[in-house]
Amino acid sequence: LDVHLVEPMQRRTDWLSDTVAQLGLANVTVHRGRAEELVGV
């Protein structure tokens, strides 16, 4: 799967990015922002 995580809070996206790196998950991308802000992105 090609998984994209959408989360608006900075501290949570920092944690998500760090966790993804620790687990070595190459199939995950983290995006900071509200869903409505990421339309078209």
PDB file of all heavy atoms in Angstrom:
ATOM      1  N   LEU A   1       0.826  -1.204   0.000  1.00  0.00           N
ATOM      2  CA  LEU A   1       0.000   0.000   0.000  1.00  0.00           C
ATOM      3  C   LEU A   1       0.864   1.259   0.000  1.00  0.00           C
ATOM      4  O   LEU A   1       1.945   1.286   0.581  1.00  0.00           O
ATOM      5  CB  LEU A   1      -0.921   0.030   1.227  1.00  0.00           C
ATOM      6  CG  LEU A   1      -1.974  -1.072   1.343  1.00  0.00           C
ATOM      7  CD1 LEU A   1      -2.734  -0.937   2.664  1.00  0.00           C
ATOM      8  CD2 LEU A   1      -2.935  -1.046   0.166  1.00  0.00           C
ATOM      9  N   ASP A   2       0.360   2.303  -0.641  1.00  0.00           N
ATOM     10  CA  ASP A   2       0.984   3.627  -0.630  1.00  0.00           C
ATOM     11  C   ASP A   2       0.136   4.491   0.297  1.00  0.00           C
ATOM     12  O   ASP A   2      -0.942   4.956  -0.087  1.00  0.00           O
ATOM     13  CB  ASP A   2       1.016   4.186  -2.055  1.00  0.00           C
ATOM     14  CG  ASP A   2       1.614   5.582  -2.127  1.00  0.00           C
ATOM     15  OD1 ASP A   2       2.217   6.028  -1.129  1.00  0.00           O
ATOM     16  OD2 ASP A   2       1.464   6.233  -3.187  1.00  0.00           O
ATOM     17  N   VAL A   3       0.616   4.686   1.531  1.00  0.00           N
ATOM     18  CA  VAL A   3      -0.192   5.284   2.587  1.00  0.00           C
ATOM     19  C   VAL A   3       0.232   6.728   2.852  1.00  0.00           C
ATOM     20  O   VAL A   3       1.417   7.020   3.046  1.00  0.00           O
ATOM     21  CB  VAL A   3      -0.072   4.470   3.893  1.00  0.00           C
ATOM     22  CG1 VAL A   3      -0.927   5.093   4.998  1.00  0.00           C
ATOM     23  CG2 VAL A   3      -0.483   3.013   3.657  1.00  0.00           C
ATOM     24  N   HIS A   4      -0.757   7.628   2.889  1.00  0.00           N
ATOM     25  CA  HIS A   4      -0.513   9.047   3.149  1.00  0.00           C
ATOM     26  C   HIS A   4      -1.261   9.437   4.430  1.00  0.00           C
ATOM     27  O   HIS A   4      -2.487   9.326   4.498  1.00  0.00           O
ATOM     28  CB  HIS A   4      -0.975   9.894   1.968  1.00  0.00           C
ATOM     29  CG  HIS A   4      -0.166   9.650   0.732  1.00  0.00           C
ATOM     30  ND1 HIS A   4       0.831  10.508   0.306  1.00  0.00           N
ATOM     31  CD2 HIS A   4      -0.181   8.616  -0.160  1.00  0.00           C
ATOM     32  CE1 HIS A   4       1.380  10.019  -0.790  1.00  0.00           C
ATOM     33  NE2 HIS A   4       0.790   8.877  -1.090  1.00  0.00           N
ATOM     34  N   LEU A   5      -0.499   9.890   5.421  1.00  0.00           N
ATOM     35  CA  LEU A   5      -1.075  10.270   6.701  1.00  0.00           C
ATOM     36  C   LEU A   5      -1.313  11.776   6.734  1.00  0.00           C
ATOM     37  O   LEU A   5      -0.390  12.556   6.501  1.00  0.00           O
ATOM     38  CB  LEU A   5      -0.126   9.890   7.848  1.00  0.00           C
ATOM     39  CG  LEU A   5       0.405   8.455   7.873  1.00  0.00           C
ATOM     40  CD1 LEU A   5       1.313   8.252   9.089  1.00  0.00           C
ATOM     41  CD2 LEU A   5      -0.730   7.442   7.860  1.00  0.00           C
ATOM     42  N   VAL A   6      -2.546  12.178   7.009  1.00  0.00           N
ATOM     43  CA  VAL A   6      -2.907  13.599   7.076  1.00  0.00           C
ATOM     44  C   VAL A   6      -3.241  13.953   8.520  1.00  0.00           C
ATOM     45  O   VAL A   6      -4.131  13.342   9.128  1.00  0.00           O
ATOM     46  CB  VAL A   6      -4.110  13.898   6.153  1.00  0.00           C
ATOM     47  CG1 VAL A   6      -4.666  15.285   6.426  1.00  0.00           C
ATOM     48  CG2 VAL A   6      -3.703  13.757   4.691  1.00  0.00           C
ATOM     49  N   GLU A   7      -2.535  14.917   9.050  1.00  0.00           N
ATOM     50  CA  GLU A   7      -2.704  15.316  10.449  1.00  0.00           C
ATOM     51  C   GLU A   7      -2.365  16.800  10.573  1.00  0.00           C
ATOM     52  O   GLU A   7      -1.305  17.231  10.110  1.00  0.00           O
ATOM     53  CB  GLU A   7      -1.793  14.479  11.346  1.00  0.00           C
ATOM     54  CG  GLU A   7      -1.691  14.936  12.779  1.00  0.00           C
ATOM     55  CD  GLU A   7      -3.040  14.979  13.496  1.00  0.00           C
ATOM     56  OE1 GLU A   7      -3.801  13.997  13.407  1.00  0.00           O
ATOM     57  OE2 GLU A   7      -3.335  16.021  14.111  1.00  0.00           O
ATOM     58  N   PRO A   8      -3.229  17.633  11.180  1.00  0.00           N
ATOM     59  CA  PRO A   8      -2.985  19.073  11.217  1.00  0.00           C
ATOM     60  C   PRO A   8      -2.010  19.551  12.285  1.00  0.00           C
ATOM     61  O   PRO A   8      -1.417  20.611  12.149  1.00  0.00           O
ATOM     62  CB  PRO A   8      -4.378  19.657  11.473  1.00  0.00           C
ATOM     63  CG  PRO A   8      -5.115  18.576  12.183  1.00  0.00           C
ATOM     64  CD  PRO A   8      -4.587  17.291  11.628  1.00  0.00           C
ATOM     65  N   MET A   9      -1.819  18.786  13.360  1.00  0.00           N
ATOM     66  CA  MET A   9      -1.023  19.272  14.490  1.00  0.00           C
ATOM     67  C   MET A   9       0.465  18.970  14.307  1.00  0.00           C
ATOM     68  O   MET A   9       0.846  17.827  14.040  1.00  0.00           O
ATOM     69  CB  MET A   9      -1.525  18.665  15.801  1.00  0.00           C
ATOM     70  CG  MET A   9      -2.943  19.077  16.152  1.00  0.00           C
ATOM     71  SD  MET A   9      -3.500  18.401  17.735  1.00  0.00           S
ATOM     72  CE  MET A   9      -2.370  19.214  18.859  1.00  0.00           C
ATOM     73  N   GLN A  10       1.306  19.991  14.479  1.00  0.00           N
ATOM     74  CA  GLN A  10       2.742  19.865  14.250  1.00  0.00           C
ATOM     75  C   GLN A  10       3.376  18.780  15.125  1.00  0.00           C
ATOM     76  O   GLN A  10       4.160  17.961  14.653  1.00  0.00           O
ATOM     77  CB  GLN A  10       3.434  21.201  14.523  1.00  0.00           C
ATOM     78  CG  GLN A  10       4.939  21.184  14.294  1.00  0.00           C
ATOM     79  CD  GLN A  10       5.312  21.131  12.821  1.00  0.00           C
ATOM     80  OE1 GLN A  10       4.916  21.999  12.048  1.00  0.00           O
ATOM     81  NE2 GLN A  10       6.061  20.107  12.415  1.00  0.00           N
ATOM     82  N   ARG A  11       3.053  18.777  16.426  1.00  0.00           N
ATOM     83  CA  ARG A  11       3.692  17.798  17.309  1.00  0.00           C
ATOM     84  C   ARG A  11       3.309  16.371  16.928  1.00  0.00           C
ATOM     85  O   ARG A  11       4.098  15.444  17.092  1.00  0.00           O
ATOM     86  CB  ARG A  11       3.360  18.075  18.775  1.00  0.00           C
ATOM     87  CG  ARG A  11       1.891  17.924  19.159  1.00  0.00           C
ATOM     88  CD  ARG A  11       1.670  18.261  20.630  1.00  0.00           C
ATOM     89  NE  ARG A  11       0.275  18.190  21.007  1.00  0.00           N
ATOM     90  CZ  ARG A  11      -0.340  17.082  21.364  1.00  0.00           C
ATOM     91  NH1 ARG A  11       0.316  15.932  21.384  1.00  0.00           N
ATOM     92  NH2 ARG A  11      -1.626  17.087  21.699  1.00  0.00           N
ATOM     93  N   ARG A  12       2.122  16.217  16.391  1.00  0.00           N
ATOM     94  CA  ARG A  12       1.705  14.878  15.971  1.00  0.00           C
ATOM     95  C   ARG A  12       2.381  14.473  14.674  1.00  0.00           C
ATOM     96  O   ARG A  12       2.786  13.319  14.512  1.00  0.00           O
ATOM     97  CB  ARG A  12       0.178  14.819  15.823  1.00  0.00           C
ATOM     98  CG  ARG A  12      -0.555  14.927  17.146  1.00  0.00           C
ATOM     99  CD  ARG A  12      -2.055  14.774  16.974  1.00  0.00           C
ATOM    100  NE  ARG A  12      -2.741  14.823  18.260  1.00  0.00           N
ATOM    101  CZ  ARG A  12      -4.050  14.719  18.406  1.00  0.00           C
ATOM    102  NH1 ARG A  12      -4.834  14.567  17.335  1.00  0.00           N
ATOM    103  NH2 ARG A  12      -4.595  14.763  19.604  1.00  0.00           N
ATOM    104  N   THR A  13       2.515  15.405  13.739  1.00  0.00           N
ATOM    105  CA  THR A  13       3.193  15.053  12.493  1.00  0.00           C
ATOM    106  C   THR A  13       4.676  14.789  12.746  1.00  0.00           C
ATOM    107  O   THR A  13       5.271  13.925  12.096  1.00  0.00           O
ATOM    108  CB  THR A  13       3.028  16.145  11.418  1.00  0.00           C
ATOM    109  OG1 THR A  13       3.431  17.404  11.942  1.00  0.00           O
ATOM    110  CG2 THR A  13       1.582  16.224  10.951  1.00  0.00           C
ATOM    111  N   ASP A  14       5.264  15.513  13.696  1.00  0.00           N
ATOM    112  CA  ASP A  14       6.659  15.244  14.061  1.00  0.00           C
ATOM    113  C   ASP A  14       6.779  13.820  14.606  1.00  0.00           C
ATOM    114  O   ASP A  14       7.717  13.078  14.259  1.00  0.00           O
ATOM    115  CB  ASP A  14       7.165  16.249  15.100  1.00  0.00           C
ATOM    116  CG  ASP A  14       7.367  17.644  14.519  1.00  0.00           C
ATOM    117  OD1 ASP A  14       7.392  17.772  13.277  1.00  0.00           O
ATOM    118  OD2 ASP A  14       7.477  18.600  15.306  1.00  0.00           O
ATOM    119  N   TRP A  15       5.854  13.459  15.488  1.00  0.00           N
ATOM    120  CA  TRP A  15       5.868  12.107  16.064  1.00  0.00           C
ATOM    121  C   TRP A  15       5.644  11.055  14.983  1.00  0.00           C
ATOM    122  O   TRP A  15       6.328  10.022  14.959  1.00  0.00           O
ATOM    123  CB  TRP A  15       4.791  11.985  17.146  1.00  0.00           C
ATOM    124  CG  TRP A  15       4.770  10.647  17.823  1.00  0.00           C
ATOM    125  CD1 TRP A  15       5.479  10.267  18.928  1.00  0.00           C
ATOM    126  CD2 TRP A  15       4.003   9.507  17.426  1.00  0.00           C
ATOM    127  NE1 TRP A  15       5.209   8.963  19.242  1.00  0.00           N
ATOM    128  CE2 TRP A  15       4.303   8.466  18.341  1.00  0.00           C
ATOM    129  CE3 TRP A  15       3.092   9.260  16.405  1.00  0.00           C
ATOM    130  CZ2 TRP A  15       3.726   7.208  18.250  1.00  0.00           C
ATOM    131  CZ3 TRP A  15       2.523   8.003  16.295  1.00  0.00           C
ATOM    132  CH2 TRP A  15       2.829   6.989  17.208  1.00  0.00           C
ATOM    133  N   LEU A  16       4.685  11.303  14.091  1.00  0.00           N
ATOM    134  CA  LEU A  16       4.414  10.355  13.012  1.00  0.00           C
ATOM    135  C   LEU A  16       5.642  10.165  12.129  1.00  0.00           C
ATOM    136  O   LEU A  16       6.001   9.032  11.787  1.00  0.00           O
ATOM    137  CB  LEU A  16       3.230  10.845  12.162  1.00  0.00           C
ATOM    138  CG  LEU A  16       1.843  10.737  12.794  1.00  0.00           C
ATOM    139  CD1 LEU A  16       0.820  11.516  11.957  1.00  0.00           C
ATOM    140  CD2 LEU A  16       1.405   9.279  12.931  1.00  0.00           C
ATOM    141  N   SER A  17       6.293  11.260  11.755  1.00  0.00           N
ATOM    142  CA  SER A  17       7.479  11.177  10.903  1.00  0.00           C
ATOM    143  C   SER A  17       8.588  10.392  11.590  1.00  0.00           C
ATOM    144  O   SER A  17       9.268   9.562  10.963  1.00  0.00           O
ATOM    145  CB  SER A  17       7.972  12.577  10.536  1.00  0.00           C
ATOM    146  OG  SER A  17       7.009  13.259   9.754  1.00  0.00           O
ATOM    147  N   ASP A  18       8.767  10.649  12.877  1.00  0.00           N
ATOM    148  CA  ASP A  18       9.801   9.939  13.629  1.00  0.00           C
ATOM    149  C   ASP A  18       9.476   8.454  13.732  1.00  0.00           C
ATOM    150  O   ASP A  18      10.361   7.592  13.584  1.00  0.00           O
ATOM    151  CB  ASP A  18       9.944  10.556  15.021  1.00  0.00           C
ATOM    152  CG  ASP A  18      11.090   9.946  15.808  1.00  0.00           C
ATOM    153  OD1 ASP A  18      12.235  10.010  15.333  1.00  0.00           O
ATOM    154  OD2 ASP A  18      10.843   9.379  16.894  1.00  0.00           O
ATOM    155  N   THR A  19       8.215   8.128  13.970  1.00  0.00           N
ATOM    156  CA  THR A  19       7.797   6.734  14.089  1.00  0.00           C
ATOM    157  C   THR A  19       7.960   5.996  12.767  1.00  0.00           C
ATOM    158  O   THR A  19       8.448   4.863  12.724  1.00  0.00           O
ATOM    159  CB  THR A  19       6.335   6.661  14.567  1.00  0.00           C
ATOM    160  OG1 THR A  19       6.235   7.283  15.861  1.00  0.00           O
ATOM    161  CG2 THR A  19       5.860   5.215  14.666  1.00  0.00           C
ATOM    162  N   VAL A  20       7.561   6.644  11.684  1.00  0.00           N
ATOM    163  CA  VAL A  20       7.719   6.045  10.355  1.00  0.00           C
ATOM    164  C   VAL A  20       9.193   5.762  10.078  1.00  0.00           C
ATOM    165  O   VAL A  20       9.553   4.699   9.549  1.00  0.00           O
ATOM    166  CB  VAL A  20       7.124   6.980   9.274  1.00  0.00           C
ATOM    167  CG1 VAL A  20       7.548   6.547   7.882  1.00  0.00           C
ATOM    168  CG2 VAL A  20       5.602   7.002   9.385  1.00  0.00           C
ATOM    169  N   ALA A  21      10.074   6.700  10.475  1.00  0.00           N
ATOM    170  CA  ALA A  21      11.513   6.518  10.264  1.00  0.00           C
ATOM    171  C   ALA A  21      12.042   5.363  11.121  1.00  0.00           C
ATOM    172  O   ALA A  21      12.835   4.531  10.641  1.00  0.00           O
ATOM    173  CB  ALA A  21      12.257   7.811  10.588  1.00  0.00           C
ATOM    174  N   GLN A  22      11.613   5.304  12.385  1.00  0.00           N
ATOM    175  CA  GLN A  22      12.063   4.227  13.268  1.00  0.00           C
ATOM    176  C   GLN A  22      11.663   2.854  12.734  1.00  0.00           C
ATOM    177  O   GLN A  22      12.421   1.884  12.852  1.00  0.00           O
ATOM    178  CB  GLN A  22      11.482   4.407  14.672  1.00  0.00           C
ATOM    179  CG  GLN A  22      12.079   5.530  15.479  1.00  0.00           C
ATOM    180  CD  GLN A  22      11.549   5.526  16.904  1.00  0.00           C
ATOM    181  OE1 GLN A  22      11.672   4.535  17.631  1.00  0.00           O
ATOM    182  NE2 GLN A  22      10.941   6.621  17.305  1.00  0.00           N
ATOM    183  N   LEU A  23      10.477   2.767  12.162  1.00  0.00           N
ATOM    184  CA  LEU A  23       9.971   1.495  11.661  1.00  0.00           C
ATOM    185  C   LEU A  23      10.451   1.199  10.247  1.00  0.00           C
ATOM    186  O   LEU A  23      10.243   0.094   9.738  1.00  0.00           O
ATOM    187  CB  LEU A  23       8.431   1.499  11.695  1.00  0.00           C
ATOM    188  CG  LEU A  23       7.803   1.615  13.095  1.00  0.00           C
ATOM    189  CD1 LEU A  23       6.277   1.766  12.981  1.00  0.00           C
ATOM    190  CD2 LEU A  23       8.151   0.409  13.957  1.00  0.00           C
ATOM    191  N   GLY A  24      11.076   2.184   9.604  1.00  0.00           N
ATOM    192  CA  GLY A  24      11.587   1.975   8.255  1.00  0.00           C
ATOM    193  C   GLY A  24      10.498   1.747   7.222  1.00  0.00           C
ATOM    194  O   GLY A  24      10.661   0.938   6.303  1.00  0.00           O
ATOM    195  N   LEU A  25       9.394   2.482   7.364  1.00  0.00           N
ATOM    196  CA  LEU A  25       8.255   2.290   6.470  1.00  0.00           C
ATOM    197  C   LEU A  25       8.397   3.186   5.237  1.00  0.00           C
ATOM    198  O   LEU A  25       8.016   4.357   5.251  1.00  0.00           O
ATOM    199  CB  LEU A  25       6.950   2.592   7.198  1.00  0.00           C
ATOM    200  CG  LEU A  25       6.625   1.668   8.379  1.00  0.00           C
ATOM    201  CD1 LEU A  25       5.387   2.158   9.115  1.00  0.00           C
ATOM    202  CD2 LEU A  25       6.441   0.232   7.909  1.00  0.00           C
ATOM    203  N   ALA A  26       8.910   2.618   4.174  1.00  0.00           N
ATOM    204  CA  ALA A  26       9.131   3.387   2.942  1.00  0.00           C
ATOM    205  C   ALA A  26       7.837   3.670   2.200  1.00  0.00           C
ATOM    206  O   ALA A  26       7.824   4.494   1.274  1.00  0.00           O
ATOM    207  CB  ALA A  26      10.090   2.625   2.029  1.00  0.00           C
ATOM    208  N   ASN A  27       6.748   3.018   2.591  1.00  0.00           N
ATOM    209  CA  ASN A  27       5.473   3.186   1.889  1.00  0.00           C
ATOM    210  C   ASN A  27       4.547   4.183   2.585  1.00  0.00           C
ATOM    211  O   ASN A  27       3.342   4.204   2.322  1.00  0.00           O
ATOM    212  CB  ASN A  27       4.761   1.838   1.740  1.00  0.00           C
ATOM    213  CG  ASN A  27       4.442   1.169   3.076  1.00  0.00           C
ATOM    214  OD1 ASN A  27       5.195   1.320   4.040  1.00  0.00           O
ATOM    215  ND2 ASN A  27       3.354   0.413   3.120  1.00  0.00           N
ATOM    216  N   VAL A  28       5.099   5.028   3.470  1.00  0.00           N
ATOM    217  CA  VAL A  28       4.273   5.997   4.208  1.00  0.00           C
ATOM    218  C   VAL A  28       4.819   7.414   4.000  1.00  0.00           C
ATOM    219  O   VAL A  28       6.021   7.649   4.103  1.00  0.00           O
ATOM    220  CB  VAL A  28       4.253   5.682   5.718  1.00  0.00           C
ATOM    221  CG1 VAL A  28       3.426   6.731   6.466  1.00  0.00           C
ATOM    222  CG2 VAL A  28       3.683   4.292   5.973  1.00  0.00           C
ATOM    223  N   THR A  29       3.890   8.359   3.729  1.00  0.00           N
ATOM    224  CA  THR A  29       4.225   9.777   3.615  1.00  0.00           C
ATOM    225  C   THR A  29       3.360  10.551   4.596  1.00  0.00           C
ATOM    226  O   THR A  29       2.153  10.294   4.700  1.00  0.00           O
ATOM    227  CB  THR A  29       3.965  10.301   2.189  1.00  0.00           C
ATOM    228  OG1 THR A  29       4.681   9.483   1.254  1.00  0.00           O
ATOM    229  CG2 THR A  29       4.406  11.742   2.046  1.00  0.00           C
ATOM    230  N   VAL A  30       3.967  11.477   5.334  1.00  0.00           N
ATOM    231  CA  VAL A  30       3.246  12.273   6.329  1.00  0.00           C
ATOM    232  C   VAL A  30       2.993  13.669   5.771  1.00  0.00           C
ATOM    233  O   VAL A  30       3.903  14.309   5.229  1.00  0.00           O
ATOM    234  CB  VAL A  30       4.038  12.368   7.643  1.00  0.00           C
ATOM    235  CG1 VAL A  30       3.291  13.230   8.666  1.00  0.00           C
ATOM    236  CG2 VAL A  30       4.302  10.974   8.218  1.00  0.00           C
ATOM    237  N   HIS A  31       1.755  14.143   5.910  1.00  0.00           N
ATOM    238  CA  HIS A  31       1.377  15.480   5.450  1.00  0.00           C
ATOM    239  C   HIS A  31       0.793  16.257   6.624  1.00  0.00           C
ATOM    240  O   HIS A  31      -0.130  15.782   7.290  1.00  0.00           O
ATOM    241  CB  HIS A  31       0.325  15.408   4.336  1.00  0.00           C
ATOM    242  CG  HIS A  31       0.736  14.580   3.161  1.00  0.00           C
ATOM    243  ND1 HIS A  31       1.369  15.108   2.055  1.00  0.00           N
ATOM    244  CD2 HIS A  31       0.584  13.249   2.925  1.00  0.00           C
ATOM    245  CE1 HIS A  31       1.594  14.148   1.178  1.00  0.00           C
ATOM    246  NE2 HIS A  31       1.129  13.006   1.675  1.00  0.00           N
ATOM    247  N   ARG A  32       1.296  17.466   6.848  1.00  0.00           N
ATOM    248  CA  ARG A  32       0.741  18.305   7.900  1.00  0.00           C
ATOM    249  C   ARG A  32      -0.284  19.260   7.295  1.00  0.00           C
ATOM    250  O   ARG A  32      -0.007  19.987   6.340  1.00  0.00           O
ATOM    251  CB  ARG A  32       1.840  19.106   8.600  1.00  0.00           C
ATOM    252  CG  ARG A  32       1.284  20.027   9.694  1.00  0.00           C
ATOM    253  CD  ARG A  32       2.405  20.683  10.492  1.00  0.00           C
ATOM    254  NE  ARG A  32       1.863  21.647  11.428  1.00  0.00           N
ATOM    255  CZ  ARG A  32       1.757  22.959  11.213  1.00  0.00           C
ATOM    256  NH1 ARG A  32       2.197  23.448  10.058  1.00  0.00           N
ATOM    257  NH2 ARG A  32       1.240  23.766  12.116  1.00  0.00           N
ATOM    258  N   GLY A  33      -1.487  19.247   7.862  1.00  0.00           N
ATOM    259  CA  GLY A  33      -2.547  20.140   7.401  1.00  0.00           C
ATOM    260  C   GLY A  33      -3.907  19.511   7.605  1.00  0.00           C
ATOM    261  O   GLY A  33      -4.024  18.303   7.816  1.00  0.00           O
ATOM    262  N   ARG A  34      -4.919  20.336   7.565  1.00  0.00           N
ATOM    263  CA  ARG A  34      -6.286  19.833   7.608  1.00  0.00           C
ATOM    264  C   ARG A  34      -6.652  19.283   6.232  1.00  0.00           C
ATOM    265  O   ARG A  34      -6.096  19.717   5.217  1.00  0.00           O
ATOM    266  CB  ARG A  34      -7.258  20.944   8.011  1.00  0.00           C
ATOM    267  CG  ARG A  34      -6.992  21.514   9.387  1.00  0.00           C
ATOM    268  CD  ARG A  34      -8.004  22.576   9.760  1.00  0.00           C
ATOM    269  NE  ARG A  34      -7.710  23.163  11.054  1.00  0.00           N
ATOM    270  CZ  ARG A  34      -8.029  22.612  12.221  1.00  0.00           C
ATOM    271  NH1 ARG A  34      -8.679  21.449  12.245  1.00  0.00           N
ATOM    272  NH2 ARG A  34      -7.710  23.199  13.355  1.00  0.00           N
ATOM    273  N   ALA A  35      -7.592  18.370   6.218  1.00  0.00           N
ATOM    274  CA  ALA A  35      -7.976  17.742   4.953  1.00  0.00           C
ATOM    275  C   ALA A  35      -8.379  18.785   3.926  1.00  0.00           C
ATOM    276  O   ALA A  35      -7.958  18.718   2.761  1.00  0.00           O
ATOM    277  CB  ALA A  35      -9.131  16.757   5.190  1.00  0.00           C
ATOM    278  N   GLU A  36      -9.138  19.788   4.353  1.00  0.00           N
ATOM    279  CA  GLU A  36      -9.618  20.797   3.411  1.00  0.00           C
ATOM    280  C   GLU A  36      -8.482  21.665   2.865  1.00  0.00           C
ATOM    281  O   GLU A  36      -8.602  22.248   1.789  1.00  0.00           O
ATOM    282  CB  GLU A  36     -10.705  21.674   4.045  1.00  0.00           C
ATOM    283  CG  GLU A  36     -10.312  22.368   5.329  1.00  0.00           C
ATOM    284  CD  GLU A  36     -10.637  21.583   6.581  1.00  0.00           C
ATOM    285  OE1 GLU A  36     -10.582  20.333   6.544  1.00  0.00           O
ATOM    286  OE2 GLU A  36     -10.936  22.222   7.610  1.00  0.00           O
ATOM    287  N   GLU A  37      -7.372  21.745   3.607  1.00  0.00           N
ATOM    288  CA  GLU A  37      -6.223  22.528   3.156  1.00  0.00           C
ATOM    289  C   GLU A  37      -5.368  21.760   2.146  1.00  0.00           C
ATOM    290  O   GLU A  37      -4.559  22.369   1.437  1.00  0.00           O
ATOM    291  CB  GLU A  37      -5.343  22.905   4.355  1.00  0.00           C
ATOM    292  CG  GLU A  37      -6.030  23.809   5.366  1.00  0.00           C
ATOM    293  CD  GLU A  37      -5.244  23.956   6.653  1.00  0.00           C
ATOM    294  OE1 GLU A  37      -4.324  23.146   6.894  1.00  0.00           O
ATOM    295  OE2 GLU A  37      -5.562  24.890   7.418  1.00  0.00           O
ATOM    296  N   LEU A  38      -5.548  20.453   2.088  1.00  0.00           N
ATOM    297  CA  LEU A  38      -4.704  19.611   1.242  1.00  0.00           C
ATOM    298  C   LEU A  38      -5.391  19.159  -0.046  1.00  0.00           C
ATOM    299  O   LEU A  38      -4.855  18.343  -0.786  1.00  0.00           O
ATOM    300  CB  LEU A  38      -4.234  18.385   2.039  1.00  0.00           C
ATOM    301  CG  LEU A  38      -3.305  18.717   3.215  1.00  0.00           C
ATOM    302  CD1 LEU A  38      -3.014  17.475   4.029  1.00  0.00           C
ATOM    303  CD2 LEU A  38      -2.014  19.350   2.725  1.00  0.00           C
ATOM    304  N   VAL A  39      -6.582  19.712  -0.314  1.00  0.00           N
ATOM    305  CA  VAL A  39      -7.267  19.399  -1.570  1.00  0.00           C
ATOM    306  C   VAL A  39      -6.418  19.916  -2.728  1.00  0.00           C
ATOM    307  O   VAL A  39      -5.983  21.068  -2.739  1.00  0.00           O
ATOM    308  CB  VAL A  39      -8.676  20.047  -1.611  1.00  0.00           C
ATOM    309  CG1 VAL A  39      -9.327  19.808  -2.968  1.00  0.00           C
ATOM    310  CG2 VAL A  39      -9.544  19.483  -0.493  1.00  0.00           C
ATOM    311  N   GLY A  40      -6.141  19.053  -3.679  1.00  0.00           N
ATOM    312  CA  GLY A  40      -5.275  19.411  -4.790  1.00  0.00           C
ATOM    313  C   GLY A  40      -3.813  19.109  -4.530  1.00  0.00           C
ATOM    314  O   GLY A  40      -2.990  19.155  -5.440  1.00  0.00           O
ATOM    315  N   VAL A  41      -3.485  18.782  -3.276  1.00  0.00           N
ATOM    316  CA  VAL A  41      -2.115  18.428  -2.898  1.00  0.00           C
ATOM    317  C   VAL A  41      -1.999  16.922  -2.689  1.00  0.00           C
ATOM    318  O   VAL A  41      -1.043  16.281  -3.131  1.00  0.00           O
ATOM    319  CB  VAL A  41      -1.679  19.180  -1.619  1.00  0.00           C
ATOM    320  CG1 VAL A  41      -0.275  18.753  -1.194  1.00  0.00           C
ATOM    321  CG2 VAL A  41      -1.755  20.680  -1.831  1.00  0.00           C
TER     322      VAL A  41
END
